[in-house]
């Protein structure tokens, strides 16, 4: 399967010809990692490779503010053992219905989320708003579609939704994430595609939808509740763990985080990790990590330093103890190295 993927689908970019051998070697290394061929998504791990610490955890909705709750996924690679419960989702209870933010990584998880919602309100889920179209956030959409929810997302998500990358990712997930992802699992289009900032009122609750991509993905969407000063940041914020950079435009990602830092927030629900009650500190962790990748790998690319040498010479001590440093950091560094080759020096 991996041989069907080109470098664009892997989140890799062609290196200069003088580094062709290095590029090919690292591509081979990437393909050897479980799920790494789909670097545009967070990789999946096979059930056999999932350590005991990554087994399934119970889902429990945690209250963030008077009308907002969220459920937190495990800081791990998706696997059969943990049911692909590796991302967060939230919900907002309004006077007339419930707005769900992201749909989790399988139909079964989405059913569980509906069960958590019913513990707090009998009102129906009327809307689902997606922060972006990555597998661990959207494979549960069909459950909410059946429940009659109106699905909203940024129109840039259409490109990924209809791509060969998405098709192959789903194909692989039916094996790697079985039985939670199977032949009945399918990708779901939004009912309403938005193409710019949108303010909506649902049951007396005002939600500000703000496109902040291309960053982690082209279709990144932040959702802000001004009444309660709660921000859903999607995968622009990975709290207390290493993000997966994949095909991301890290320079634009940093600019997007600067936009998020401009919101008046008391709490941020990230795409991964616990809710943040120190929004600036936690958003700056992701921002500073991306800036460090660009600084170190950018210098190496400009100096024509071979990637292996540059990686070994880089001081990773500020980040190496964070969850998922091992699976993610080297790939993040390499993708940034290739990206910086083609950016104008700052």
C-alpha atoms as a PDB file:
ATOM      1  CA  UNK A   1       0.000   0.000   0.000  1.00  0.00           C
ATOM      2  CA  UNK A   2       2.745   2.438   0.953  1.00  0.00           C
ATOM      3  CA  UNK A   3       4.297   2.271  -2.517  1.00  0.00           C
ATOM      4  CA  UNK A   4       1.149   3.884  -3.901  1.00  0.00           C
ATOM      5  CA  UNK A   5       1.864   7.109  -2.043  1.00  0.00           C
ATOM      6  CA  UNK A   6       3.921   9.957  -3.414  1.00  0.00           C
ATOM      7  CA  UNK A   7       5.913  12.412  -1.301  1.00  0.00           C
ATOM      8  CA  UNK A   8       3.103  14.977  -1.348  1.00  0.00           C
ATOM      9  CA  UNK A   9       0.727  12.447   0.216  1.00  0.00           C
ATOM     10  CA  UNK A  10       3.303  11.641   2.870  1.00  0.00           C
ATOM     11  CA  UNK A  11       3.748  15.253   3.845  1.00  0.00           C
ATOM     12  CA  UNK A  12       7.268  15.259   2.395  1.00  0.00           C
ATOM     13  CA  UNK A  13       8.649  17.625  -0.204  1.00  0.00           C
ATOM     14  CA  UNK A  14      11.376  16.941  -2.762  1.00  0.00           C
ATOM     15  CA  UNK A  15      14.878  17.710  -1.509  1.00  0.00           C
ATOM     16  CA  UNK A  16      17.540  19.409  -3.623  1.00  0.00           C
ATOM     17  CA  UNK A  17      19.158  17.023  -6.056  1.00  0.00           C
ATOM     18  CA  UNK A  18      22.422  16.997  -4.061  1.00  0.00           C
ATOM     19  CA  UNK A  19      20.473  15.453  -1.188  1.00  0.00           C
ATOM     20  CA  UNK A  20      18.473  12.945  -3.209  1.00  0.00           C
ATOM     21  CA  UNK A  21      19.994   9.925  -1.517  1.00  0.00           C
ATOM     22  CA  UNK A  22      19.223  11.339   1.907  1.00  0.00           C
ATOM     23  CA  UNK A  23      15.658  12.086   0.911  1.00  0.00           C
ATOM     24  CA  UNK A  24      15.105   8.577  -0.404  1.00  0.00           C
ATOM     25  CA  UNK A  25      16.596   7.057   2.725  1.00  0.00           C
ATOM     26  CA  UNK A  26      14.345   9.075   4.980  1.00  0.00           C
ATOM     27  CA  UNK A  27      11.301   8.343   2.854  1.00  0.00           C
ATOM     28  CA  UNK A  28      12.052   4.650   3.316  1.00  0.00           C
ATOM     29  CA  UNK A  29      12.427   5.221   7.038  1.00  0.00           C
ATOM     30  CA  UNK A  30       9.064   7.001   7.126  1.00  0.00           C
ATOM     31  CA  UNK A  31       7.288   4.192   5.301  1.00  0.00           C
ATOM     32  CA  UNK A  32       8.608   1.744   7.867  1.00  0.00           C
ATOM     33  CA  UNK A  33       6.726   3.530  10.656  1.00  0.00           C
ATOM     34  CA  UNK A  34       3.153   2.406  11.365  1.00  0.00           C
ATOM     35  CA  UNK A  35       0.806   4.866   9.727  1.00  0.00           C
ATOM     36  CA  UNK A  36       3.582   7.330   8.876  1.00  0.00           C
ATOM     37  CA  UNK A  37       2.757   7.227   5.192  1.00  0.00           C
ATOM     38  CA  UNK A  38      -0.256   9.277   6.160  1.00  0.00           C
ATOM     39  CA  UNK A  39       1.687  12.068   7.815  1.00  0.00           C
ATOM     40  CA  UNK A  40      -1.089  14.497   6.852  1.00  0.00           C
ATOM     41  CA  UNK A  41      -3.127  12.737   9.524  1.00  0.00           C
ATOM     42  CA  UNK A  42      -1.995  11.682  12.935  1.00  0.00           C
ATOM     43  CA  UNK A  43      -0.491   8.207  12.363  1.00  0.00           C
ATOM     44  CA  UNK A  44      -2.244   5.069  13.490  1.00  0.00           C
ATOM     45  CA  UNK A  45      -0.505   2.226  15.278  1.00  0.00           C
ATOM     46  CA  UNK A  46      -1.429  -1.410  14.896  1.00  0.00           C
ATOM     47  CA  UNK A  47      -2.985  -3.174  17.851  1.00  0.00           C
ATOM     48  CA  UNK A  48       0.121  -5.301  18.227  1.00  0.00           C
ATOM     49  CA  UNK A  49       2.343  -2.249  18.526  1.00  0.00           C
ATOM     50  CA  UNK A  50       0.211  -0.392  21.078  1.00  0.00           C
ATOM     51  CA  UNK A  51       1.801  -0.576  24.537  1.00  0.00           C
ATOM     52  CA  UNK A  52      -0.288  -1.411  27.575  1.00  0.00           C
ATOM     53  CA  UNK A  53      -0.347   2.254  28.616  1.00  0.00           C
ATOM     54  CA  UNK A  54      -2.304   3.015  25.436  1.00  0.00           C
ATOM     55  CA  UNK A  55      -5.267   0.769  26.122  1.00  0.00           C
ATOM     56  CA  UNK A  56      -8.825   2.074  25.975  1.00  0.00           C
ATOM     57  CA  UNK A  57      -9.780   4.655  28.557  1.00  0.00           C
ATOM     58  CA  UNK A  58     -13.285   5.550  29.686  1.00  0.00           C
ATOM     59  CA  UNK A  59     -14.959   8.580  28.156  1.00  0.00           C
ATOM     60  CA  UNK A  60     -16.219  11.184  30.579  1.00  0.00           C
ATOM     61  CA  UNK A  61     -17.464  14.666  29.751  1.00  0.00           C
ATOM     62  CA  UNK A  62     -15.684  17.374  31.761  1.00  0.00           C
ATOM     63  CA  UNK A  63     -17.396  20.714  32.281  1.00  0.00           C
ATOM     64  CA  UNK A  64     -15.401  23.724  31.093  1.00  0.00           C
ATOM     65  CA  UNK A  65     -17.949  26.520  31.640  1.00  0.00           C
ATOM     66  CA  UNK A  66     -21.715  26.779  32.327  1.00  0.00           C
ATOM     67  CA  UNK A  67     -22.655  25.563  28.823  1.00  0.00           C
ATOM     68  CA  UNK A  68     -19.480  23.828  27.580  1.00  0.00           C
ATOM     69  CA  UNK A  69     -18.157  20.288  28.118  1.00  0.00           C
ATOM     70  CA  UNK A  70     -15.443  18.252  26.415  1.00  0.00           C
ATOM     71  CA  UNK A  71     -14.068  14.717  26.313  1.00  0.00           C
ATOM     72  CA  UNK A  72     -10.337  14.076  26.183  1.00  0.00           C
ATOM     73  CA  UNK A  73      -8.606  11.459  24.066  1.00  0.00           C
ATOM     74  CA  UNK A  74      -5.436   9.614  24.970  1.00  0.00           C
ATOM     75  CA  UNK A  75      -2.007  11.105  24.162  1.00  0.00           C
ATOM     76  CA  UNK A  76      -1.043   8.205  21.913  1.00  0.00           C
ATOM     77  CA  UNK A  77      -1.128   6.928  18.372  1.00  0.00           C
ATOM     78  CA  UNK A  78      -4.483   5.585  17.240  1.00  0.00           C
ATOM     79  CA  UNK A  79      -4.818   1.815  17.609  1.00  0.00           C
ATOM     80  CA  UNK A  80      -7.388  -0.934  17.938  1.00  0.00           C
ATOM     81  CA  UNK A  81      -6.472  -1.163  21.612  1.00  0.00           C
ATOM     82  CA  UNK A  82      -7.368   2.460  22.371  1.00  0.00           C
ATOM     83  CA  UNK A  83     -10.305   2.551  19.882  1.00  0.00           C
ATOM     84  CA  UNK A  84      -8.730   5.531  18.100  1.00  0.00           C
ATOM     85  CA  UNK A  85      -9.793   7.676  21.051  1.00  0.00           C
ATOM     86  CA  UNK A  86      -6.819  10.024  20.693  1.00  0.00           C
ATOM     87  CA  UNK A  87      -8.454  13.385  20.025  1.00  0.00           C
ATOM     88  CA  UNK A  88     -10.802  15.691  21.872  1.00  0.00           C
ATOM     89  CA  UNK A  89     -14.377  16.697  21.124  1.00  0.00           C
ATOM     90  CA  UNK A  90     -16.603  19.219  22.846  1.00  0.00           C
ATOM     91  CA  UNK A  91     -20.226  20.214  23.076  1.00  0.00           C
ATOM     92  CA  UNK A  92     -22.151  23.387  23.840  1.00  0.00           C
ATOM     93  CA  UNK A  93     -25.620  23.164  25.350  1.00  0.00           C
ATOM     94  CA  UNK A  94     -27.896  25.962  24.094  1.00  0.00           C
ATOM     95  CA  UNK A  95     -31.553  26.722  24.829  1.00  0.00           C
ATOM     96  CA  UNK A  96     -32.755  24.735  21.805  1.00  0.00           C
ATOM     97  CA  UNK A  97     -30.124  22.086  21.118  1.00  0.00           C
ATOM     98  CA  UNK A  98     -26.533  20.939  21.366  1.00  0.00           C
ATOM     99  CA  UNK A  99     -23.603  22.024  19.203  1.00  0.00           C
ATOM    100  CA  UNK A 100     -20.828  19.423  18.965  1.00  0.00           C
ATOM    101  CA  UNK A 101     -17.274  20.433  18.092  1.00  0.00           C
ATOM    102  CA  UNK A 102     -15.533  17.591  16.190  1.00  0.00           C
ATOM    103  CA  UNK A 103     -16.789  14.024  15.919  1.00  0.00           C
ATOM    104  CA  UNK A 104     -13.998  11.785  17.289  1.00  0.00           C
ATOM    105  CA  UNK A 105     -12.207   8.888  15.616  1.00  0.00           C
ATOM    106  CA  UNK A 106     -14.924   6.260  15.061  1.00  0.00           C
ATOM    107  CA  UNK A 107     -18.706   5.882  14.883  1.00  0.00           C
ATOM    108  CA  UNK A 108     -18.655   3.955  18.172  1.00  0.00           C
ATOM    109  CA  UNK A 109     -16.856   6.812  19.943  1.00  0.00           C
ATOM    110  CA  UNK A 110     -19.419   9.248  18.557  1.00  0.00           C
ATOM    111  CA  UNK A 111     -22.197   7.065  20.007  1.00  0.00           C
ATOM    112  CA  UNK A 112     -20.449   7.213  23.368  1.00  0.00           C
ATOM    113  CA  UNK A 113     -20.207  10.977  23.082  1.00  0.00           C
ATOM    114  CA  UNK A 114     -23.964  11.126  22.450  1.00  0.00           C
ATOM    115  CA  UNK A 115     -24.397   9.117  25.631  1.00  0.00           C
ATOM    116  CA  UNK A 116     -22.285  11.621  27.561  1.00  0.00           C
ATOM    117  CA  UNK A 117     -24.339  14.476  26.155  1.00  0.00           C
ATOM    118  CA  UNK A 118     -27.585  12.792  27.294  1.00  0.00           C
ATOM    119  CA  UNK A 119     -26.262  12.761  30.867  1.00  0.00           C
ATOM    120  CA  UNK A 120     -26.357  16.567  30.837  1.00  0.00           C
ATOM    121  CA  UNK A 121     -29.301  17.447  28.591  1.00  0.00           C
ATOM    122  CA  UNK A 122     -32.195  15.762  26.769  1.00  0.00           C
ATOM    123  CA  UNK A 123     -31.892  18.272  23.919  1.00  0.00           C
ATOM    124  CA  UNK A 124     -30.921  16.925  20.476  1.00  0.00           C
ATOM    125  CA  UNK A 125     -27.622  17.552  18.736  1.00  0.00           C
ATOM    126  CA  UNK A 126     -28.547  20.099  16.088  1.00  0.00           C
ATOM    127  CA  UNK A 127     -25.094  21.011  14.744  1.00  0.00           C
ATOM    128  CA  UNK A 128     -21.606  19.582  14.415  1.00  0.00           C
ATOM    129  CA  UNK A 129     -18.793  22.024  13.643  1.00  0.00           C
ATOM    130  CA  UNK A 130     -15.483  20.591  12.469  1.00  0.00           C
ATOM    131  CA  UNK A 131     -12.163  22.183  13.287  1.00  0.00           C
ATOM    132  CA  UNK A 132     -10.541  20.226  10.410  1.00  0.00           C
ATOM    133  CA  UNK A 133     -10.899  17.056   8.331  1.00  0.00           C
ATOM    134  CA  UNK A 134      -8.432  14.658   9.923  1.00  0.00           C
ATOM    135  CA  UNK A 135      -9.368  11.038  10.556  1.00  0.00           C
ATOM    136  CA  UNK A 136      -9.232  11.132  14.339  1.00  0.00           C
ATOM    137  CA  UNK A 137     -11.699  14.049  14.328  1.00  0.00           C
ATOM    138  CA  UNK A 138     -14.178  12.987  11.610  1.00  0.00           C
ATOM    139  CA  UNK A 139     -14.684   9.216  11.497  1.00  0.00           C
ATOM    140  CA  UNK A 140     -17.570   9.637  13.946  1.00  0.00           C
ATOM    141  CA  UNK A 141     -19.483  12.030  11.680  1.00  0.00           C
ATOM    142  CA  UNK A 142     -21.829   9.410  10.251  1.00  0.00           C
ATOM    143  CA  UNK A 143     -23.275   8.856  13.733  1.00  0.00           C
ATOM    144  CA  UNK A 144     -24.205  12.516  14.061  1.00  0.00           C
ATOM    145  CA  UNK A 145     -25.463  12.613  10.483  1.00  0.00           C
ATOM    146  CA  UNK A 146     -27.886   9.780  11.294  1.00  0.00           C
ATOM    147  CA  UNK A 147     -28.981  11.734  14.370  1.00  0.00           C
ATOM    148  CA  UNK A 148     -30.008  14.613  12.102  1.00  0.00           C
ATOM    149  CA  UNK A 149     -27.269  17.110  12.936  1.00  0.00           C
ATOM    150  CA  UNK A 150     -26.284  19.827  10.483  1.00  0.00           C
ATOM    151  CA  UNK A 151     -22.541  19.495   9.775  1.00  0.00           C
ATOM    152  CA  UNK A 152     -20.472  22.632   9.215  1.00  0.00           C
ATOM    153  CA  UNK A 153     -16.839  22.899   8.080  1.00  0.00           C
ATOM    154  CA  UNK A 154     -14.513  25.159   6.134  1.00  0.00           C
ATOM    155  CA  UNK A 155     -14.736  24.600   2.391  1.00  0.00           C
ATOM    156  CA  UNK A 156     -10.984  23.938   2.086  1.00  0.00           C
ATOM    157  CA  UNK A 157     -11.719  20.549   3.680  1.00  0.00           C
ATOM    158  CA  UNK A 158     -13.237  19.384   0.391  1.00  0.00           C
ATOM    159  CA  UNK A 159      -9.784  18.886  -1.110  1.00  0.00           C
ATOM    160  CA  UNK A 160      -8.717  16.390   1.541  1.00  0.00           C
ATOM    161  CA  UNK A 161     -12.136  14.759   1.772  1.00  0.00           C
ATOM    162  CA  UNK A 162     -12.036  13.902  -1.933  1.00  0.00           C
ATOM    163  CA  UNK A 163      -8.341  13.041  -2.105  1.00  0.00           C
ATOM    164  CA  UNK A 164      -6.568   9.755  -2.678  1.00  0.00           C
ATOM    165  CA  UNK A 165      -4.823  10.344   0.643  1.00  0.00           C
ATOM    166  CA  UNK A 166      -8.154  10.284   2.492  1.00  0.00           C
ATOM    167  CA  UNK A 167      -9.274   7.166   0.619  1.00  0.00           C
ATOM    168  CA  UNK A 168      -6.072   5.295   1.403  1.00  0.00           C
ATOM    169  CA  UNK A 169      -6.122   6.466   4.995  1.00  0.00           C
ATOM    170  CA  UNK A 170      -9.624   5.032   5.451  1.00  0.00           C
ATOM    171  CA  UNK A 171      -8.610   1.825   3.684  1.00  0.00           C
ATOM    172  CA  UNK A 172      -5.660   1.374   6.049  1.00  0.00           C
ATOM    173  CA  UNK A 173      -7.753   2.280   9.101  1.00  0.00           C
ATOM    174  CA  UNK A 174     -10.191  -0.534   8.335  1.00  0.00           C
ATOM    175  CA  UNK A 175      -7.310  -2.893   9.087  1.00  0.00           C
ATOM    176  CA  UNK A 176      -5.229  -0.950  11.610  1.00  0.00           C
ATOM    177  CA  UNK A 177      -8.196   0.262  13.678  1.00  0.00           C
ATOM    178  CA  UNK A 178     -10.541  -2.730  13.333  1.00  0.00           C
ATOM    179  CA  UNK A 179     -13.134  -3.395  14.579  1.00  0.00           C
ATOM    180  CA  UNK A 180     -13.809   0.285  15.339  1.00  0.00           C
ATOM    181  CA  UNK A 181     -13.289   1.264  11.716  1.00  0.00           C
ATOM    182  CA  UNK A 182     -14.765  -1.213   9.233  1.00  0.00           C
ATOM    183  CA  UNK A 183     -16.371  -1.486   5.807  1.00  0.00           C
ATOM    184  CA  UNK A 184     -19.411   0.503   6.981  1.00  0.00           C
ATOM    185  CA  UNK A 185     -17.288   3.484   8.061  1.00  0.00           C
ATOM    186  CA  UNK A 186     -17.302   6.244   5.487  1.00  0.00           C
ATOM    187  CA  UNK A 187     -16.291   9.855   5.067  1.00  0.00           C
ATOM    188  CA  UNK A 188     -19.060  12.436   5.429  1.00  0.00           C
ATOM    189  CA  UNK A 189     -19.253  15.779   3.677  1.00  0.00           C
ATOM    190  CA  UNK A 190     -20.383  18.897   5.472  1.00  0.00           C
ATOM    191  CA  UNK A 191     -23.951  20.043   4.924  1.00  0.00           C
ATOM    192  CA  UNK A 192     -22.738  23.631   5.048  1.00  0.00           C
ATOM    193  CA  UNK A 193     -19.340  24.718   3.774  1.00  0.00           C
ATOM    194  CA  UNK A 194     -18.173  28.104   4.975  1.00  0.00           C
ATOM    195  CA  UNK A 195     -15.572  30.214   3.191  1.00  0.00           C
ATOM    196  CA  UNK A 196     -14.873  33.014   5.649  1.00  0.00           C
ATOM    197  CA  UNK A 197     -15.572  34.325   9.156  1.00  0.00           C
ATOM    198  CA  UNK A 198     -19.084  33.507  10.319  1.00  0.00           C
ATOM    199  CA  UNK A 199     -21.004  34.518  13.433  1.00  0.00           C
ATOM    200  CA  UNK A 200     -23.927  32.254  14.239  1.00  0.00           C
ATOM    201  CA  UNK A 201     -26.583  32.200  16.934  1.00  0.00           C
ATOM    202  CA  UNK A 202     -27.897  28.807  17.993  1.00  0.00           C
ATOM    203  CA  UNK A 203     -30.472  28.739  20.752  1.00  0.00           C
ATOM    204  CA  UNK A 204     -29.381  32.116  22.078  1.00  0.00           C
ATOM    205  CA  UNK A 205     -25.697  31.154  22.152  1.00  0.00           C
ATOM    206  CA  UNK A 206     -23.345  33.124  19.927  1.00  0.00           C
ATOM    207  CA  UNK A 207     -20.478  31.257  18.271  1.00  0.00           C
ATOM    208  CA  UNK A 208     -17.761  32.926  16.236  1.00  0.00           C
ATOM    209  CA  UNK A 209     -16.323  30.679  13.502  1.00  0.00           C
ATOM    210  CA  UNK A 210     -12.925  31.896  12.371  1.00  0.00           C
ATOM    211  CA  UNK A 211     -10.849  30.290   9.581  1.00  0.00           C
ATOM    212  CA  UNK A 212      -7.220  30.177  10.727  1.00  0.00           C
ATOM    213  CA  UNK A 213      -5.646  28.065   7.987  1.00  0.00           C
ATOM    214  CA  UNK A 214      -3.748  27.035   6.093  1.00  0.00           C
ATOM    215  CA  UNK A 215      -1.806  25.994   9.167  1.00  0.00           C
ATOM    216  CA  UNK A 216      -2.141  22.480  10.609  1.00  0.00           C
ATOM    217  CA  UNK A 217      -4.479  21.910   7.639  1.00  0.00           C
ATOM    218  CA  UNK A 218      -5.839  24.179   4.896  1.00  0.00           C
ATOM    219  CA  UNK A 219      -9.290  24.089   6.536  1.00  0.00           C
ATOM    220  CA  UNK A 220      -8.418  24.927  10.165  1.00  0.00           C
ATOM    221  CA  UNK A 221     -11.375  26.518  11.928  1.00  0.00           C
ATOM    222  CA  UNK A 222     -11.417  28.019  15.427  1.00  0.00           C
ATOM    223  CA  UNK A 223     -14.695  28.337  17.353  1.00  0.00           C
ATOM    224  CA  UNK A 224     -15.035  31.007  20.038  1.00  0.00           C
ATOM    225  CA  UNK A 225     -17.840  31.590  22.548  1.00  0.00           C
ATOM    226  CA  UNK A 226     -17.557  35.261  23.555  1.00  0.00           C
ATOM    227  CA  UNK A 227     -20.132  35.045  26.367  1.00  0.00           C
ATOM    228  CA  UNK A 228     -18.043  32.493  28.263  1.00  0.00           C
ATOM    229  CA  UNK A 229     -14.646  33.276  26.688  1.00  0.00           C
ATOM    230  CA  UNK A 230     -14.078  29.653  25.627  1.00  0.00           C
ATOM    231  CA  UNK A 231     -11.997  28.857  22.543  1.00  0.00           C
ATOM    232  CA  UNK A 232     -11.982  25.562  20.625  1.00  0.00           C
ATOM    233  CA  UNK A 233      -8.574  25.643  18.924  1.00  0.00           C
ATOM    234  CA  UNK A 234      -8.586  22.299  17.087  1.00  0.00           C
ATOM    235  CA  UNK A 235      -5.159  20.933  16.266  1.00  0.00           C
ATOM    236  CA  UNK A 236      -3.550  24.348  16.217  1.00  0.00           C
ATOM    237  CA  UNK A 237      -2.938  23.589  19.887  1.00  0.00           C
ATOM    238  CA  UNK A 238      -1.511  20.308  21.162  1.00  0.00           C
ATOM    239  CA  UNK A 239      -1.366  20.719  24.925  1.00  0.00           C
ATOM    240  CA  UNK A 240       1.601  19.240  26.811  1.00  0.00           C
ATOM    241  CA  UNK A 241       2.625  16.978  23.958  1.00  0.00           C
ATOM    242  CA  UNK A 242       4.434  17.059  20.633  1.00  0.00           C
ATOM    243  CA  UNK A 243       2.213  17.991  17.682  1.00  0.00           C
ATOM    244  CA  UNK A 244       2.232  16.149  14.368  1.00  0.00           C
ATOM    245  CA  UNK A 245       3.369  18.636  11.743  1.00  0.00           C
ATOM    246  CA  UNK A 246       2.803  16.536   8.604  1.00  0.00           C
ATOM    247  CA  UNK A 247       2.182  18.752   5.568  1.00  0.00           C
ATOM    248  CA  UNK A 248       1.562  21.781   7.735  1.00  0.00           C
ATOM    249  CA  UNK A 249       2.699  25.222   6.741  1.00  0.00           C
ATOM    250  CA  UNK A 250       4.526  25.863  10.016  1.00  0.00           C
ATOM    251  CA  UNK A 251       5.142  29.532   9.283  1.00  0.00           C
ATOM    252  CA  UNK A 252       1.423  30.128   8.770  1.00  0.00           C
ATOM    253  CA  UNK A 253       0.668  27.916  11.791  1.00  0.00           C
ATOM    254  CA  UNK A 254       2.704  30.310  13.957  1.00  0.00           C
ATOM    255  CA  UNK A 255       0.800  33.283  12.510  1.00  0.00           C
ATOM    256  CA  UNK A 256      -2.482  31.490  13.216  1.00  0.00           C
ATOM    257  CA  UNK A 257      -1.459  30.917  16.826  1.00  0.00           C
ATOM    258  CA  UNK A 258      -0.772  34.635  17.080  1.00  0.00           C
ATOM    259  CA  UNK A 259      -4.386  35.178  15.971  1.00  0.00           C
ATOM    260  CA  UNK A 260      -5.643  32.766  18.649  1.00  0.00           C
ATOM    261  CA  UNK A 261      -3.534  34.517  21.274  1.00  0.00           C
ATOM    262  CA  UNK A 262      -5.514  37.661  20.454  1.00  0.00           C
ATOM    263  CA  UNK A 263      -8.791  36.158  21.710  1.00  0.00           C
ATOM    264  CA  UNK A 264      -9.890  37.060  25.228  1.00  0.00           C
ATOM    265  CA  UNK A 265     -10.047  33.528  26.625  1.00  0.00           C
ATOM    266  CA  UNK A 266     -10.351  31.982  30.051  1.00  0.00           C
ATOM    267  CA  UNK A 267     -10.017  28.432  28.716  1.00  0.00           C
ATOM    268  CA  UNK A 268      -8.916  26.743  25.503  1.00  0.00           C
ATOM    269  CA  UNK A 269     -10.078  23.290  24.450  1.00  0.00           C
ATOM    270  CA  UNK A 270      -7.221  21.922  22.318  1.00  0.00           C
ATOM    271  CA  UNK A 271      -7.469  19.239  19.681  1.00  0.00           C
ATOM    272  CA  UNK A 272      -5.322  17.022  21.892  1.00  0.00           C
ATOM    273  CA  UNK A 273      -4.611  17.240  25.610  1.00  0.00           C
ATOM    274  CA  UNK A 274      -6.423  18.577  28.650  1.00  0.00           C
ATOM    275  CA  UNK A 275      -8.342  21.834  28.636  1.00  0.00           C
ATOM    276  CA  UNK A 276      -6.070  24.790  29.236  1.00  0.00           C
ATOM    277  CA  UNK A 277      -6.788  27.272  32.001  1.00  0.00           C
ATOM    278  CA  UNK A 278      -3.528  29.020  31.113  1.00  0.00           C
ATOM    279  CA  UNK A 279      -4.250  29.711  27.438  1.00  0.00           C
ATOM    280  CA  UNK A 280      -1.205  31.846  26.657  1.00  0.00           C
ATOM    281  CA  UNK A 281       1.254  29.432  28.249  1.00  0.00           C
ATOM    282  CA  UNK A 282      -0.144  26.382  26.477  1.00  0.00           C
ATOM    283  CA  UNK A 283      -0.594  27.996  23.077  1.00  0.00           C
ATOM    284  CA  UNK A 284       2.959  29.285  23.305  1.00  0.00           C
ATOM    285  CA  UNK A 285       4.269  25.747  23.890  1.00  0.00           C
ATOM    286  CA  UNK A 286       3.028  24.699  20.449  1.00  0.00           C
ATOM    287  CA  UNK A 287       4.133  28.011  18.940  1.00  0.00           C
ATOM    288  CA  UNK A 288       7.619  27.846  20.444  1.00  0.00           C
ATOM    289  CA  UNK A 289       8.108  24.242  19.314  1.00  0.00           C
ATOM    290  CA  UNK A 290       7.249  25.140  15.723  1.00  0.00           C
ATOM    291  CA  UNK A 291       9.522  28.193  15.872  1.00  0.00           C
ATOM    292  CA  UNK A 292      12.373  26.042  17.207  1.00  0.00           C
ATOM    293  CA  UNK A 293      11.922  23.529  14.384  1.00  0.00           C
ATOM    294  CA  UNK A 294      12.073  26.355  11.838  1.00  0.00           C
ATOM    295  CA  UNK A 295      15.076  27.974  13.479  1.00  0.00           C
ATOM    296  CA  UNK A 296      17.203  24.840  13.787  1.00  0.00           C
ATOM    297  CA  UNK A 297      16.202  23.056  10.611  1.00  0.00           C
ATOM    298  CA  UNK A 298      16.169  26.316   8.648  1.00  0.00           C
ATOM    299  CA  UNK A 299      19.779  27.016   9.591  1.00  0.00           C
ATOM    300  CA  UNK A 300      20.763  23.458   8.665  1.00  0.00           C
ATOM    301  CA  UNK A 301      19.043  23.741   5.278  1.00  0.00           C
ATOM    302  CA  UNK A 302      20.687  27.099   4.515  1.00  0.00           C
ATOM    303  CA  UNK A 303      24.095  25.783   5.569  1.00  0.00           C
ATOM    304  CA  UNK A 304      23.582  22.608   3.478  1.00  0.00           C
ATOM    305  CA  UNK A 305      24.168  20.517   6.610  1.00  0.00           C
ATOM    306  CA  UNK A 306      23.021  16.916   6.067  1.00  0.00           C
ATOM    307  CA  UNK A 307      19.783  16.262   7.918  1.00  0.00           C
ATOM    308  CA  UNK A 308      21.122  13.385  10.050  1.00  0.00           C
ATOM    309  CA  UNK A 309      23.999  15.526  11.260  1.00  0.00           C
ATOM    310  CA  UNK A 310      21.729  18.483  11.951  1.00  0.00           C
ATOM    311  CA  UNK A 311      19.217  16.364  13.844  1.00  0.00           C
ATOM    312  CA  UNK A 312      21.869  14.797  16.070  1.00  0.00           C
ATOM    313  CA  UNK A 313      23.457  18.185  16.771  1.00  0.00           C
ATOM    314  CA  UNK A 314      20.170  19.818  17.799  1.00  0.00           C
ATOM    315  CA  UNK A 315      19.379  20.206  21.499  1.00  0.00           C
ATOM    316  CA  UNK A 316      15.910  18.662  21.924  1.00  0.00           C
ATOM    317  CA  UNK A 317      15.986  18.696  25.741  1.00  0.00           C
ATOM    318  CA  UNK A 318      13.128  21.207  26.066  1.00  0.00           C
ATOM    319  CA  UNK A 319      10.765  18.796  24.287  1.00  0.00           C
ATOM    320  CA  UNK A 320      12.141  15.257  24.529  1.00  0.00           C
ATOM    321  CA  UNK A 321      10.184  14.377  27.676  1.00  0.00           C
ATOM    322  CA  UNK A 322       6.819  15.359  26.187  1.00  0.00           C
ATOM    323  CA  UNK A 323       4.415  12.586  25.083  1.00  0.00           C
ATOM    324  CA  UNK A 324       4.884  11.362  21.481  1.00  0.00           C
ATOM    325  CA  UNK A 325       8.302  12.966  21.077  1.00  0.00           C
ATOM    326  CA  UNK A 326       9.627   9.616  19.843  1.00  0.00           C
ATOM    327  CA  UNK A 327       7.066   8.920  17.103  1.00  0.00           C
ATOM    328  CA  UNK A 328       6.712  12.527  15.939  1.00  0.00           C
ATOM    329  CA  UNK A 329       9.786  14.667  16.395  1.00  0.00           C
ATOM    330  CA  UNK A 330      12.141  13.247  13.794  1.00  0.00           C
ATOM    331  CA  UNK A 331       9.455  13.326  11.100  1.00  0.00           C
ATOM    332  CA  UNK A 332       8.492  16.855  12.142  1.00  0.00           C
ATOM    333  CA  UNK A 333      12.115  17.948  11.929  1.00  0.00           C
ATOM    334  CA  UNK A 334      12.633  16.370   8.527  1.00  0.00           C
ATOM    335  CA  UNK A 335       9.470  17.843   7.038  1.00  0.00           C
ATOM    336  CA  UNK A 336      10.507  21.243   8.376  1.00  0.00           C
ATOM    337  CA  UNK A 337      14.013  20.794   6.943  1.00  0.00           C
ATOM    338  CA  UNK A 338      12.549  20.183   3.487  1.00  0.00           C
ATOM    339  CA  UNK A 339      10.081  23.038   3.861  1.00  0.00           C
ATOM    340  CA  UNK A 340      12.796  25.483   4.855  1.00  0.00           C
ATOM    341  CA  UNK A 341      14.873  24.590   1.791  1.00  0.00           C
ATOM    342  CA  UNK A 342      12.235  26.233  -0.359  1.00  0.00           C
ATOM    343  CA  UNK A 343      11.431  29.254   1.784  1.00  0.00           C
ATOM    344  CA  UNK A 344      13.168  32.564   1.310  1.00  0.00           C
ATOM    345  CA  UNK A 345      15.684  33.298   4.090  1.00  0.00           C
ATOM    346  CA  UNK A 346      14.220  35.567   6.754  1.00  0.00           C
END
